[in-house]
Amino acid sequence: MNIVYLVGQISPKYKETYEWRERVELYFNGVDNIKIINPCKNYFNTKLLKNNEYAINRSKRTTGLDILVSKDYTYVLNSDIAIVNMNHYDIKKPLIGSFFELAWYFTNPQ
């Protein structure tokens, strides 16, 4: 089984940050031996998208933020390869998380 992690900015204010991942999932749907890890497919991001909130909102702290780094690091370790979208959709949110994920791939080659 080849596991592909989808790396890139996530911002509920820009639905394209979710939609490109959905297109990749659709493209690989039904392909044997490929599993997609879509970090947007969780309760935390679904709720934020529905409410059109920023993923990081200090006034409405969510426990999901407390595990964000560990969750993303686990996705990297559990995947074989990544498809990366480095488009910077929301200029108020830096791409730091995506750069960390790429660094983790570099330090943990499969």
N, C-alpha and C. Protein backbone atom coordinates (compact mmCIF):
# COMPACT_ATOMS: atom_id res chain seq x y z
N MET A 1 0.84 -1.18 0.00
CA MET A 1 0.00 0.00 0.00
C MET A 1 0.89 1.24 0.00
N ASN A 2 0.66 2.16 -0.91
CA ASN A 2 1.35 3.44 -0.97
C ASN A 2 0.46 4.49 -0.34
N ILE A 3 1.00 5.18 0.65
CA ILE A 3 0.23 6.18 1.38
C ILE A 3 0.73 7.56 0.99
N VAL A 4 -0.19 8.39 0.51
CA VAL A 4 0.12 9.73 0.01
C VAL A 4 -0.51 10.76 0.94
N TYR A 5 0.31 11.67 1.45
CA TYR A 5 -0.16 12.74 2.33
C TYR A 5 -0.25 14.03 1.53
N LEU A 6 -1.35 14.76 1.70
CA LEU A 6 -1.59 16.00 0.96
C LEU A 6 -1.18 17.20 1.80
N VAL A 7 -0.06 17.81 1.43
CA VAL A 7 0.54 18.91 2.18
C VAL A 7 0.20 20.24 1.52
N GLY A 8 -0.16 21.21 2.33
CA GLY A 8 -0.42 22.56 1.82
C GLY A 8 -1.21 23.36 2.82
N GLN A 9 -1.36 24.63 2.51
CA GLN A 9 -2.08 25.54 3.40
C GLN A 9 -3.54 25.11 3.56
N ILE A 10 -4.06 25.29 4.76
CA ILE A 10 -5.47 25.04 5.04
C ILE A 10 -6.04 26.33 5.60
N SER A 11 -7.04 26.87 4.92
CA SER A 11 -7.69 28.10 5.39
C SER A 11 -9.15 28.06 5.00
N PRO A 12 -10.04 28.01 5.99
CA PRO A 12 -11.47 28.01 5.68
C PRO A 12 -11.93 29.23 4.89
N LYS A 13 -11.17 30.31 4.91
CA LYS A 13 -11.54 31.49 4.12
C LYS A 13 -11.29 31.29 2.63
N TYR A 14 -10.52 30.26 2.29
CA TYR A 14 -10.21 29.97 0.89
C TYR A 14 -10.51 28.50 0.64
N LYS A 15 -11.68 28.24 0.09
CA LYS A 15 -12.12 26.86 -0.08
C LYS A 15 -11.21 26.05 -1.00
N GLU A 16 -10.44 26.74 -1.85
CA GLU A 16 -9.52 26.02 -2.73
C GLU A 16 -8.51 25.21 -1.92
N THR A 17 -8.20 25.65 -0.70
CA THR A 17 -7.26 24.90 0.13
C THR A 17 -7.83 23.53 0.50
N TYR A 18 -9.13 23.40 0.41
CA TYR A 18 -9.80 22.11 0.63
C TYR A 18 -10.08 21.41 -0.70
N GLU A 19 -10.49 22.20 -1.69
CA GLU A 19 -10.95 21.63 -2.95
C GLU A 19 -9.86 20.93 -3.74
N TRP A 20 -8.60 21.45 -3.71
CA TRP A 20 -7.54 20.77 -4.47
C TRP A 20 -7.31 19.37 -3.92
N ARG A 21 -7.45 19.22 -2.60
CA ARG A 21 -7.28 17.91 -1.98
C ARG A 21 -8.39 16.96 -2.41
N GLU A 22 -9.60 17.49 -2.50
CA GLU A 22 -10.72 16.67 -2.95
C GLU A 22 -10.52 16.20 -4.39
N ARG A 23 -9.96 17.06 -5.23
CA ARG A 23 -9.69 16.67 -6.63
C ARG A 23 -8.63 15.57 -6.69
N VAL A 24 -7.61 15.66 -5.84
CA VAL A 24 -6.58 14.61 -5.81
C VAL A 24 -7.21 13.30 -5.34
N GLU A 25 -8.03 13.36 -4.30
CA GLU A 25 -8.69 12.14 -3.81
C GLU A 25 -9.56 11.53 -4.91
N LEU A 26 -10.30 12.35 -5.62
CA LEU A 26 -11.15 11.86 -6.70
C LEU A 26 -10.31 11.22 -7.81
N TYR A 27 -9.18 11.84 -8.14
CA TYR A 27 -8.30 11.32 -9.18
C TYR A 27 -7.80 9.91 -8.83
N PHE A 28 -7.46 9.70 -7.57
CA PHE A 28 -6.92 8.40 -7.15
C PHE A 28 -7.98 7.43 -6.64
N ASN A 29 -9.23 7.86 -6.63
CA ASN A 29 -10.30 7.00 -6.17
C ASN A 29 -10.36 5.71 -6.99
N GLY A 30 -10.32 4.59 -6.31
CA GLY A 30 -10.39 3.30 -6.98
C GLY A 30 -9.06 2.75 -7.46
N VAL A 31 -7.98 3.52 -7.30
CA VAL A 31 -6.66 3.03 -7.69
C VAL A 31 -6.16 2.10 -6.59
N ASP A 32 -5.86 0.87 -6.99
CA ASP A 32 -5.37 -0.09 -6.02
C ASP A 32 -4.04 0.36 -5.43
N ASN A 33 -3.84 0.00 -4.18
CA ASN A 33 -2.58 0.23 -3.47
C ASN A 33 -2.24 1.70 -3.23
N ILE A 34 -3.22 2.60 -3.30
CA ILE A 34 -2.96 3.99 -2.95
C ILE A 34 -4.00 4.43 -1.93
N LYS A 35 -3.49 4.96 -0.83
CA LYS A 35 -4.35 5.52 0.20
C LYS A 35 -3.96 6.98 0.37
N ILE A 36 -4.94 7.86 0.43
CA ILE A 36 -4.70 9.29 0.58
C ILE A 36 -4.95 9.71 2.02
N ILE A 37 -4.01 10.48 2.58
CA ILE A 37 -4.23 11.12 3.87
C ILE A 37 -4.55 12.58 3.59
N ASN A 38 -5.79 12.94 3.82
CA ASN A 38 -6.24 14.31 3.63
C ASN A 38 -6.41 14.94 5.01
N PRO A 39 -5.52 15.87 5.40
CA PRO A 39 -5.59 16.44 6.74
C PRO A 39 -6.85 17.29 6.98
N CYS A 40 -7.58 17.60 5.93
CA CYS A 40 -8.81 18.38 6.08
C CYS A 40 -10.00 17.51 6.46
N LYS A 41 -9.85 16.21 6.34
CA LYS A 41 -10.96 15.31 6.62
C LYS A 41 -10.98 14.95 8.09
N ASN A 42 -11.27 15.93 8.93
CA ASN A 42 -11.42 15.68 10.36
C ASN A 42 -12.43 16.67 10.91
N TYR A 43 -12.92 16.39 12.08
CA TYR A 43 -13.95 17.23 12.69
C TYR A 43 -13.50 18.67 12.86
N PHE A 44 -12.27 18.86 13.29
CA PHE A 44 -11.73 20.19 13.56
C PHE A 44 -11.82 21.08 12.32
N ASN A 45 -11.29 20.63 11.19
CA ASN A 45 -11.29 21.44 9.98
C ASN A 45 -12.67 21.55 9.36
N THR A 46 -13.47 20.50 9.44
CA THR A 46 -14.83 20.55 8.91
C THR A 46 -15.64 21.62 9.63
N LYS A 47 -15.51 21.69 10.95
CA LYS A 47 -16.23 22.68 11.75
C LYS A 47 -15.79 24.10 11.38
N LEU A 48 -14.48 24.32 11.23
CA LEU A 48 -13.98 25.64 10.89
C LEU A 48 -14.44 26.07 9.50
N LEU A 49 -14.44 25.15 8.55
CA LEU A 49 -14.89 25.47 7.20
C LEU A 49 -16.37 25.86 7.22
N LYS A 50 -17.16 25.12 7.96
CA LYS A 50 -18.60 25.40 8.05
C LYS A 50 -18.85 26.79 8.62
N ASN A 51 -18.07 27.17 9.62
CA ASN A 51 -18.25 28.47 10.28
C ASN A 51 -17.45 29.59 9.63
N ASN A 52 -16.69 29.27 8.57
CA ASN A 52 -15.87 30.24 7.84
C ASN A 52 -14.94 31.00 8.79
N GLU A 53 -14.27 30.25 9.67
CA GLU A 53 -13.32 30.83 10.62
C GLU A 53 -11.90 30.55 10.16
N TYR A 54 -10.96 31.32 10.70
CA TYR A 54 -9.57 31.00 10.50
C TYR A 54 -9.25 29.70 11.23
N ALA A 55 -8.32 28.93 10.71
CA ALA A 55 -7.94 27.69 11.37
C ALA A 55 -7.29 27.96 12.72
N ILE A 56 -6.66 29.11 12.89
CA ILE A 56 -6.09 29.47 14.18
C ILE A 56 -6.80 30.73 14.66
N ASN A 57 -7.59 30.57 15.68
CA ASN A 57 -8.36 31.68 16.22
C ASN A 57 -8.16 31.68 17.73
N ARG A 58 -7.32 32.56 18.21
CA ARG A 58 -6.95 32.54 19.63
C ARG A 58 -8.12 32.85 20.55
N SER A 59 -9.13 33.56 20.09
CA SER A 59 -10.26 33.87 20.96
C SER A 59 -11.19 32.68 21.13
N LYS A 60 -11.12 31.72 20.24
CA LYS A 60 -11.96 30.52 20.32
C LYS A 60 -11.05 29.29 20.30
N ARG A 61 -10.17 29.20 21.26
CA ARG A 61 -9.18 28.11 21.32
C ARG A 61 -9.88 26.76 21.31
N THR A 62 -9.39 25.87 20.49
CA THR A 62 -9.96 24.54 20.34
C THR A 62 -8.88 23.52 20.65
N THR A 63 -9.24 22.44 21.29
CA THR A 63 -8.25 21.43 21.64
C THR A 63 -7.57 20.87 20.40
N GLY A 64 -8.19 20.96 19.25
CA GLY A 64 -7.57 20.48 18.02
C GLY A 64 -6.24 21.14 17.73
N LEU A 65 -6.10 22.41 18.11
CA LEU A 65 -4.83 23.12 17.90
C LEU A 65 -3.72 22.55 18.75
N ASP A 66 -4.07 22.04 19.91
CA ASP A 66 -3.06 21.51 20.82
C ASP A 66 -2.35 20.28 20.26
N ILE A 67 -3.00 19.57 19.36
CA ILE A 67 -2.40 18.35 18.81
C ILE A 67 -1.97 18.51 17.36
N LEU A 68 -2.07 19.71 16.82
CA LEU A 68 -1.82 19.93 15.40
C LEU A 68 -0.43 19.46 14.95
N VAL A 69 0.60 19.85 15.64
CA VAL A 69 1.97 19.48 15.24
C VAL A 69 2.16 17.98 15.33
N SER A 70 1.73 17.37 16.42
CA SER A 70 1.88 15.93 16.57
C SER A 70 1.09 15.17 15.52
N LYS A 71 -0.10 15.65 15.21
CA LYS A 71 -0.94 15.00 14.19
C LYS A 71 -0.26 15.06 12.83
N ASP A 72 0.21 16.24 12.44
CA ASP A 72 0.85 16.39 11.14
C ASP A 72 2.15 15.59 11.05
N TYR A 73 2.92 15.57 12.13
CA TYR A 73 4.15 14.77 12.14
C TYR A 73 3.83 13.29 11.97
N THR A 74 2.79 12.84 12.60
CA THR A 74 2.37 11.44 12.46
C THR A 74 1.94 11.14 11.03
N TYR A 75 1.23 12.07 10.40
CA TYR A 75 0.86 11.88 8.99
C TYR A 75 2.11 11.70 8.12
N VAL A 76 3.12 12.51 8.35
CA VAL A 76 4.36 12.40 7.58
C VAL A 76 5.02 11.04 7.81
N LEU A 77 5.13 10.65 9.07
CA LEU A 77 5.79 9.37 9.38
C LEU A 77 5.02 8.18 8.82
N ASN A 78 3.70 8.28 8.74
CA ASN A 78 2.87 7.17 8.27
C ASN A 78 2.68 7.15 6.76
N SER A 79 3.22 8.13 6.06
CA SER A 79 3.04 8.18 4.61
C SER A 79 4.34 7.81 3.90
N ASP A 80 4.18 7.45 2.63
CA ASP A 80 5.32 7.10 1.79
C ASP A 80 5.81 8.27 0.95
N ILE A 81 4.87 9.15 0.63
CA ILE A 81 5.17 10.27 -0.27
C ILE A 81 4.13 11.37 -0.03
N ALA A 82 4.42 12.55 -0.50
CA ALA A 82 3.48 13.66 -0.37
C ALA A 82 3.21 14.30 -1.72
N ILE A 83 2.01 14.78 -1.87
CA ILE A 83 1.69 15.71 -2.95
C ILE A 83 1.57 17.06 -2.25
N VAL A 84 2.35 18.04 -2.75
CA VAL A 84 2.48 19.31 -2.05
C VAL A 84 1.97 20.45 -2.92
N ASN A 85 1.14 21.29 -2.33
CA ASN A 85 0.65 22.51 -2.96
C ASN A 85 1.16 23.67 -2.13
N MET A 86 2.15 24.40 -2.66
CA MET A 86 2.75 25.51 -1.91
C MET A 86 2.15 26.86 -2.29
N ASN A 87 0.97 26.86 -2.91
CA ASN A 87 0.29 28.13 -3.16
C ASN A 87 -0.04 28.79 -1.83
N HIS A 88 0.14 30.09 -1.78
CA HIS A 88 -0.09 30.84 -0.55
C HIS A 88 -1.42 31.59 -0.70
N TYR A 89 -2.51 30.90 -0.43
CA TYR A 89 -3.85 31.45 -0.63
C TYR A 89 -4.17 32.55 0.37
N ASP A 90 -3.88 32.34 1.62
CA ASP A 90 -4.22 33.28 2.68
C ASP A 90 -2.93 33.93 3.18
N ILE A 91 -2.66 35.16 2.74
CA ILE A 91 -1.39 35.80 3.08
C ILE A 91 -1.26 36.12 4.56
N LYS A 92 -2.38 36.07 5.30
CA LYS A 92 -2.32 36.31 6.74
C LYS A 92 -1.89 35.06 7.51
N LYS A 93 -1.81 33.94 6.81
CA LYS A 93 -1.38 32.69 7.43
C LYS A 93 -0.11 32.20 6.74
N PRO A 94 1.01 32.20 7.41
CA PRO A 94 2.25 31.74 6.78
C PRO A 94 2.21 30.23 6.51
N LEU A 95 3.06 29.79 5.62
CA LEU A 95 3.12 28.37 5.24
C LEU A 95 4.06 27.58 6.14
N ILE A 96 4.23 28.01 7.36
CA ILE A 96 5.19 27.38 8.27
C ILE A 96 4.91 25.89 8.42
N GLY A 97 3.65 25.52 8.59
CA GLY A 97 3.31 24.11 8.77
C GLY A 97 3.74 23.26 7.59
N SER A 98 3.52 23.75 6.38
CA SER A 98 3.91 23.00 5.18
C SER A 98 5.43 22.87 5.10
N PHE A 99 6.16 23.92 5.47
CA PHE A 99 7.62 23.85 5.47
C PHE A 99 8.12 22.84 6.51
N PHE A 100 7.47 22.82 7.67
CA PHE A 100 7.84 21.82 8.67
C PHE A 100 7.61 20.41 8.12
N GLU A 101 6.48 20.20 7.48
CA GLU A 101 6.19 18.86 6.94
C GLU A 101 7.23 18.45 5.91
N LEU A 102 7.64 19.37 5.06
CA LEU A 102 8.68 19.05 4.08
C LEU A 102 10.01 18.74 4.77
N ALA A 103 10.32 19.48 5.82
CA ALA A 103 11.55 19.21 6.57
C ALA A 103 11.49 17.84 7.23
N TRP A 104 10.32 17.47 7.74
CA TRP A 104 10.17 16.14 8.36
C TRP A 104 10.37 15.04 7.33
N TYR A 105 9.89 15.25 6.10
CA TYR A 105 10.15 14.25 5.04
C TYR A 105 11.65 14.16 4.76
N PHE A 106 12.33 15.28 4.76
CA PHE A 106 13.76 15.29 4.49
C PHE A 106 14.52 14.52 5.57
N THR A 107 14.12 14.68 6.83
CA THR A 107 14.83 14.03 7.93
C THR A 107 14.37 12.60 8.17
N ASN A 108 13.27 12.19 7.53
CA ASN A 108 12.74 10.83 7.68
C ASN A 108 12.45 10.22 6.32
N PRO A 109 13.48 10.04 5.48
CA PRO A 109 13.21 9.49 4.14
C PRO A 109 12.64 8.07 4.25
N GLN A 110 11.74 7.77 3.38
CA GLN A 110 11.09 6.45 3.38
C GLN A 110 11.90 5.44 2.59
